[in-house]
Protein backbone atom coordinates (compact mmCIF):
# COMPACT_ATOMS: atom_id res chain seq x y z
CA MET A 1 86.38 103.28 122.66
CA ILE A 2 87.30 103.55 119.01
CA ALA A 3 90.97 103.24 119.71
CA SER A 4 90.44 100.08 121.71
CA SER A 5 88.31 98.61 118.93
CA SER A 6 90.99 99.55 116.40
CA ARG A 7 93.65 97.71 118.35
CA ARG A 8 91.55 94.58 118.65
CA LEU A 9 90.88 94.66 114.92
CA PHE A 10 94.61 95.01 114.05
CA LEU A 11 95.37 92.05 116.22
CA LEU A 12 92.70 90.10 114.46
CA VAL A 13 93.75 90.70 110.99
CA HIS A 14 97.61 90.94 111.36
CA PHE A 15 98.03 87.28 110.67
CA LEU A 16 100.66 86.79 107.92
CA ALA A 17 102.37 83.42 108.50
CA SER A 18 105.97 82.47 107.80
CA PRO A 19 106.28 83.39 104.13
CA LYS A 20 108.10 81.43 101.29
CA LYS A 21 109.96 82.74 98.26
CA VAL A 22 108.09 83.08 94.98
CA PHE A 23 109.83 80.20 93.20
CA ALA A 24 110.51 78.07 96.22
CA SER A 25 108.61 74.83 96.97
CA PRO A 26 105.07 75.91 98.12
CA ALA A 27 104.32 75.95 101.78
CA PRO A 28 102.04 73.19 103.19
CA SER A 29 98.50 73.97 102.24
CA LEU A 30 96.08 75.27 104.93
CA PHE A 31 93.28 73.67 102.83
CA ASP A 32 91.47 70.79 104.45
CA PRO A 33 90.24 68.53 101.61
CA THR A 34 87.75 66.72 103.98
CA LEU A 35 85.72 69.89 104.07
CA CYS A 36 85.50 70.03 100.27
CA SER A 37 83.05 68.96 97.68
CA ALA A 38 84.84 67.94 94.47
CA SER A 39 81.67 68.75 92.43
CA GLU A 40 82.02 72.43 93.37
CA GLN A 41 83.72 74.58 90.81
CA SER A 42 85.53 76.50 93.67
CA LEU A 43 87.22 74.29 96.23
CA ALA A 44 87.94 76.77 99.06
CA TYR A 45 86.29 75.95 102.26
CA VAL A 46 86.60 76.67 105.98
CA ASN A 47 90.09 76.12 107.45
CA LYS A 48 90.44 74.14 110.64
CA GLY A 49 91.83 77.22 112.43
CA ASN A 50 88.61 79.06 111.93
CA ASN A 51 87.00 77.21 114.82
CA PRO A 52 89.92 76.89 117.40
CA GLU A 53 87.56 76.41 120.39
CA GLY A 54 85.91 73.39 118.83
CA GLN A 55 82.55 74.44 120.28
CA LYS A 56 80.62 73.35 117.22
CA PRO A 57 81.57 71.76 113.89
CA PRO A 58 82.77 74.30 111.29
CA MET A 59 80.15 75.22 108.67
CA ARG A 60 81.13 74.10 105.20
CA ALA A 61 81.15 76.89 102.54
CA TRP A 62 78.45 75.18 100.47
CA MET A 63 76.14 75.68 103.48
CA CYS A 64 76.54 79.39 103.47
CA SER A 65 73.93 80.08 100.84
CA GLY A 66 71.09 82.37 101.96
CA LYS A 67 67.56 83.25 100.97
CA THR A 68 68.61 86.94 101.29
CA HIS A 69 71.77 88.92 100.95
CA LYS A 70 72.13 89.49 104.71
CA GLU A 71 71.51 85.82 105.41
CA MET A 72 74.35 84.83 103.09
CA VAL A 73 76.70 87.20 104.69
CA ASP A 74 75.61 86.13 108.18
CA LYS A 75 76.33 82.47 107.43
CA LEU A 76 79.76 83.33 106.05
CA THR A 77 80.40 85.15 109.27
CA SER A 78 79.11 82.31 111.40
CA ALA A 79 81.33 79.90 109.46
CA GLY A 80 84.38 81.99 110.31
CA ILE A 81 85.10 82.92 106.69
CA VAL A 82 84.20 86.55 107.17
CA LYS A 83 86.12 87.69 110.26
CA ALA A 84 86.88 91.41 110.13
CA PRO A 85 83.91 93.87 110.65
CA ILE A 86 85.26 95.99 107.77
CA ASN A 87 84.89 93.04 105.34
CA ARG A 88 81.43 92.04 106.71
CA GLU A 89 80.20 95.59 106.30
CA ALA A 90 81.63 95.93 102.87
CA MET A 91 79.98 92.70 101.64
CA LEU A 92 76.63 93.85 103.18
CA SER A 93 76.77 97.12 101.36
CA VAL A 94 76.93 95.61 97.88
CA ASP A 95 73.92 93.48 96.88
CA ARG A 96 75.16 90.37 94.95
CA ARG A 97 71.81 90.13 93.21
CA ASN A 98 72.89 93.21 91.03
CA TYR A 99 75.99 91.24 89.74
CA VAL A 100 74.62 87.87 88.74
CA ILE A 101 72.69 86.82 85.69
CA ASP A 102 70.42 84.23 87.38
CA LYS A 103 68.64 86.28 90.15
CA SER A 104 67.00 83.22 91.66
CA HIS A 105 70.40 82.02 92.71
CA ALA A 106 71.85 85.39 93.63
CA TYR A 107 72.74 84.32 97.19
CA ASP A 108 73.91 80.75 96.53
CA ASP A 109 77.43 80.21 97.77
CA SER A 110 78.69 78.86 94.47
CA PRO A 111 80.31 80.38 91.40
CA GLN A 112 77.96 81.31 88.55
CA THR A 113 78.55 81.89 84.91
CA ILE A 114 78.25 85.43 83.64
CA GLY A 115 78.95 84.72 79.92
CA TYR A 116 82.02 85.00 77.73
CA GLY A 117 83.56 82.02 79.42
CA ALA A 118 83.81 83.85 82.75
CA THR A 119 82.28 83.36 86.15
CA ILE A 120 81.49 85.28 89.33
CA SER A 121 83.37 83.58 92.20
CA ALA A 122 81.44 82.02 95.06
CA PRO A 123 80.78 84.39 97.92
CA HIS A 124 83.06 82.40 100.25
CA MET A 125 85.97 83.00 97.85
CA HIS A 126 85.31 86.71 97.79
CA ALA A 127 85.31 86.59 101.56
CA HIS A 128 88.71 84.73 101.67
CA VAL A 129 90.16 87.40 99.32
CA LEU A 130 88.96 90.31 101.40
CA GLU A 131 90.42 88.78 104.60
CA ASP A 132 93.81 88.10 102.86
CA LEU A 133 94.08 91.62 101.52
CA LEU A 134 92.81 93.64 104.47
CA PRO A 135 96.10 93.57 106.45
CA SER A 136 97.97 95.52 103.71
CA LEU A 137 95.17 98.13 103.53
CA LEU A 138 95.22 98.56 107.40
CA ARG A 139 98.96 98.90 107.47
CA ALA A 140 99.03 101.47 104.66
CA SER A 141 96.22 103.44 106.39
CA ARG A 142 98.07 103.31 109.72
CA ASP A 143 101.51 104.20 108.38
CA HIS A 144 100.34 106.87 105.89
CA PRO A 145 97.03 108.21 107.27
CA THR A 146 96.69 110.89 104.50
CA LYS A 147 97.64 108.84 101.48
CA PRO A 148 94.84 107.39 99.39
CA LEU A 149 94.70 103.57 99.04
CA ARG A 150 95.01 102.07 95.66
CA ILE A 151 93.44 98.76 94.73
CA LEU A 152 93.52 96.79 91.50
CA ASP A 153 90.81 94.18 90.67
CA VAL A 154 92.18 92.00 87.79
CA GLY A 155 89.27 90.17 85.96
CA CYS A 156 86.60 92.38 87.29
CA GLY A 157 83.89 90.30 85.54
CA SER A 158 80.48 91.34 86.50
CA GLY A 159 81.89 94.11 88.87
CA TYR A 160 80.86 92.70 92.24
CA LEU A 161 84.23 92.68 94.04
CA THR A 162 85.25 95.92 92.40
CA ALA A 163 82.19 97.53 93.99
CA VAL A 164 82.95 95.90 97.42
CA PHE A 165 86.44 97.31 97.29
CA GLY A 166 84.97 100.71 96.35
CA ARG A 167 82.77 100.70 99.46
CA MET A 168 85.80 99.89 101.61
CA VAL A 169 87.67 103.01 100.39
CA HIS A 170 84.61 105.28 99.99
CA PRO A 171 84.95 108.65 101.80
CA LYS A 172 83.44 107.92 105.18
CA LYS A 173 82.03 111.43 105.68
CA ASP A 174 80.00 111.11 102.54
CA ASN A 175 78.88 107.55 102.85
CA ASN A 176 75.14 108.01 103.11
CA ARG A 177 73.94 105.62 100.32
CA LYS A 178 71.94 103.30 102.63
CA SER A 179 70.74 103.20 106.20
CA LEU A 180 71.45 99.42 105.95
CA LEU A 181 74.81 99.82 107.82
CA PRO A 182 74.41 102.04 110.93
CA SER A 183 77.71 100.59 112.25
CA LEU A 184 79.67 101.35 108.96
CA SER A 185 81.63 104.27 110.31
CA PRO A 186 83.47 102.97 113.34
CA SER A 187 85.44 100.16 111.70
CA ALA A 188 85.44 101.41 108.08
CA SER A 189 87.11 104.60 109.31
CA LEU A 190 90.20 102.52 110.00
CA LEU A 191 90.82 102.62 106.19
CA ASN A 192 91.95 105.57 104.24
CA ASP A 193 89.80 106.80 101.28
CA GLY A 194 91.10 105.52 97.99
CA LYS A 195 90.68 104.48 94.40
CA VAL A 196 89.80 101.21 92.83
CA PHE A 197 90.65 100.08 89.30
CA GLY A 198 88.77 97.16 87.84
CA ILE A 199 90.15 95.64 84.62
CA ASP A 200 89.19 92.85 82.28
CA VAL A 201 90.41 91.69 78.89
CA ILE A 202 86.91 91.16 77.61
CA PRO A 203 85.12 94.45 76.63
CA GLN A 204 81.68 93.09 77.17
CA LEU A 205 82.50 92.25 80.75
CA VAL A 206 83.80 95.68 81.42
CA GLN A 207 80.53 97.14 80.06
CA MET A 208 78.62 94.64 82.24
CA SER A 209 80.60 95.78 85.23
CA ALA A 210 79.81 99.38 84.58
CA ARG A 211 76.05 98.61 84.11
CA ASN A 212 75.81 96.51 87.24
CA ILE A 213 77.64 99.12 89.36
CA MET A 214 75.28 101.77 88.20
CA LYS A 215 72.22 99.79 89.46
CA GLU A 216 72.74 100.74 93.14
CA ASP A 217 76.40 101.67 93.51
CA GLY A 218 76.66 104.18 90.71
CA ASP A 219 78.03 106.88 93.10
CA LEU A 220 81.31 104.92 93.01
CA LEU A 221 81.57 105.55 89.36
CA ASP A 222 80.20 109.14 89.57
CA SER A 223 82.70 110.11 92.21
CA ASN A 224 85.54 108.37 90.37
CA ILE A 225 86.17 106.17 93.38
CA VAL A 226 85.97 103.14 90.93
CA GLU A 227 87.13 103.09 87.44
CA VAL A 228 86.77 100.19 84.97
CA ALA A 229 88.79 99.59 81.83
CA VAL A 230 89.56 97.00 79.13
CA ARG A 231 93.12 95.78 79.82
CA ASP A 232 95.26 92.66 79.66
CA GLY A 233 95.21 91.29 83.22
CA TRP A 234 98.73 89.93 82.87
CA LYS A 235 99.99 93.45 82.32
CA GLY A 236 97.89 95.07 84.92
CA PHE A 237 97.09 98.81 84.97
CA PRO A 238 100.42 100.65 85.44
CA GLU A 239 98.81 104.14 85.28
CA GLY A 240 97.25 103.46 88.74
CA ALA A 241 100.19 101.82 90.35
CA PRO A 242 101.71 101.22 92.87
CA TYR A 243 98.87 99.28 94.55
CA ASN A 244 98.31 98.44 98.20
CA ALA A 245 96.21 95.47 97.22
CA ILE A 246 95.72 93.50 94.00
CA HIS A 247 93.15 90.82 93.49
CA VAL A 248 93.41 88.51 90.56
CA GLY A 249 90.08 86.67 89.77
CA ALA A 250 91.38 84.05 87.35
CA ALA A 251 94.07 81.53 87.50
CA ALA A 252 97.47 82.48 86.18
CA ALA A 253 99.59 79.62 84.73
CA THR A 254 102.67 81.18 86.30
CA PHE A 255 103.13 84.03 88.85
CA PRO A 256 102.28 87.23 87.01
CA ILE A 257 105.54 89.20 87.24
CA GLU A 258 104.22 92.43 85.83
CA LEU A 259 101.51 92.58 88.43
CA MET A 260 103.93 91.86 91.19
CA LYS A 261 106.07 94.80 90.03
CA GLN A 262 103.00 97.06 90.44
CA LEU A 263 102.64 96.28 94.15
CA ALA A 264 103.64 99.01 96.62
CA VAL A 265 106.10 97.95 99.30
CA GLY A 266 103.93 96.45 102.02
CA GLY A 267 101.27 95.75 99.49
CA ILE A 268 99.58 92.18 98.98
CA MET A 269 98.37 90.48 95.96
CA VAL A 270 96.01 87.45 96.25
CA VAL A 271 96.28 85.33 92.99
CA PRO A 272 95.22 81.77 92.07
CA VAL A 273 98.11 80.03 90.19
CA GLY A 274 98.00 76.76 88.32
CA PRO A 275 97.21 75.20 84.92
CA ASP A 276 93.67 75.32 83.51
CA GLY A 277 91.93 72.19 84.71
CA GLY A 278 94.93 71.19 86.85
CA GLU A 279 96.14 71.73 90.40
CA GLN A 280 95.59 75.30 91.53
CA TYR A 281 96.24 77.19 94.72
CA LEU A 282 95.38 80.57 96.04
CA TYR A 283 98.60 82.46 96.94
CA GLN A 284 99.10 85.56 99.08
CA VAL A 285 102.11 87.63 97.70
CA GLU A 286 103.42 90.31 99.93
CA ARG A 287 105.94 92.86 98.71
CA VAL A 288 108.54 93.44 101.36
CA GLY A 289 111.40 95.16 99.47
CA ASP A 290 112.16 97.64 96.69
CA GLN A 291 115.37 96.23 95.18
CA GLY A 292 113.45 95.79 91.94
CA GLN A 293 111.17 98.29 90.07
CA VAL A 294 108.17 99.56 91.91
CA VAL A 295 105.94 100.57 89.00
CA GLY A 296 104.39 104.02 89.55
CA GLU A 297 106.72 104.91 92.47
CA VAL A 298 108.36 108.20 91.97
CA GLY A 299 112.16 107.63 91.51
CA SER A 300 111.87 103.86 90.98
CA ASP A 301 114.17 102.91 88.11
CA ASP A 302 112.54 100.56 85.54
CA SER A 303 116.01 99.14 84.72
CA LYS A 304 115.94 97.42 88.12
CA GLY A 305 113.42 95.00 86.78
CA PHE A 306 112.09 92.14 88.86
CA GLN A 307 113.81 90.93 91.96
CA GLU A 308 112.52 87.80 93.67
CA ASP A 309 113.84 88.84 97.10
CA ASP A 310 111.32 91.66 97.17
CA TYR A 311 108.51 89.25 97.71
CA ASN A 312 107.22 86.72 100.23
CA VAL A 313 104.69 84.17 99.11
CA ARG A 314 102.18 82.07 101.22
CA ARG A 315 100.06 79.34 99.83
CA VAL A 316 96.57 79.74 101.25
CA LEU A 317 94.27 77.03 99.94
CA GLY A 318 93.24 74.87 96.97
CA VAL A 319 91.00 76.39 94.41
CA ARG A 320 89.60 75.98 90.85
CA TYR A 321 89.32 79.01 88.67
CA VAL A 322 88.92 79.76 84.98
CA PRO A 323 92.23 80.81 83.33
CA LEU A 324 93.62 84.34 83.29
CA VAL A 325 93.39 85.14 79.57
CA ARG A 326 95.99 87.13 77.68
CA ALA A 327 95.01 89.81 75.16
CA ASP A 328 97.29 88.34 72.54
């Protein structure tokens, strides 16, 4: 039963389309501007392909707000933005209310300010990120079933997505934090245990992340499954590399080469790229080779530097993010 379910899930999420090179002209966007509200800070909405049967009109992302945490996630699932059970369960297991400043709008599907010029992304953007990163985590778990997963969350902000990643790689045999998710074990067990590193250039946000995680997800910090630190997002966190998945929560003006070098072969980075206030897109960067340096990989020579042919890039959708700030 579990094996059959696993196969269906792999077929569901193994979706990487024809990739493009990093510095080539970007692929045609999957973003449908007719489903977008220009007044929203984040412009990622439901793709046409999320409703192939055409049985009912796709739900716009701004309609995915809920009165409760579960209602919000249920609407994201109904809209076809959350697809994989692993991602649904992970989002359900971390209450967004603990990670926003304005509790009265905790379950609004919109970005919210968290101070220091930063925001917590809209829930539909977090869902898109999880869907885009999951294939690399499943592949790594399938190909190396005893090797811990490594995830880097750049721009951890208030700590929400860092905690969600932590729940995804939490040791399944010990996951007893809530009875909210009686079905957590079957699908979550497809992923190896692992470690999540959340970094931010702003010390106050790193402190905020730690405080928020401690509210109801403190076991992630206590067990060292999640670690948060003050770092320059452009430089990443080489001590924890190589990573199976990297999420960048702010827009890089150009592709962040140092982060790309910290990807494991087979790993995926999801990163918004574009000028502050200008045209930005969310990209999925998959590492497919090791001609260049794989930071953290035993035997990888740093003199190999960066090699463009090691990466395939797919443009996912149009977005609007705050800029990825450099420490200097």
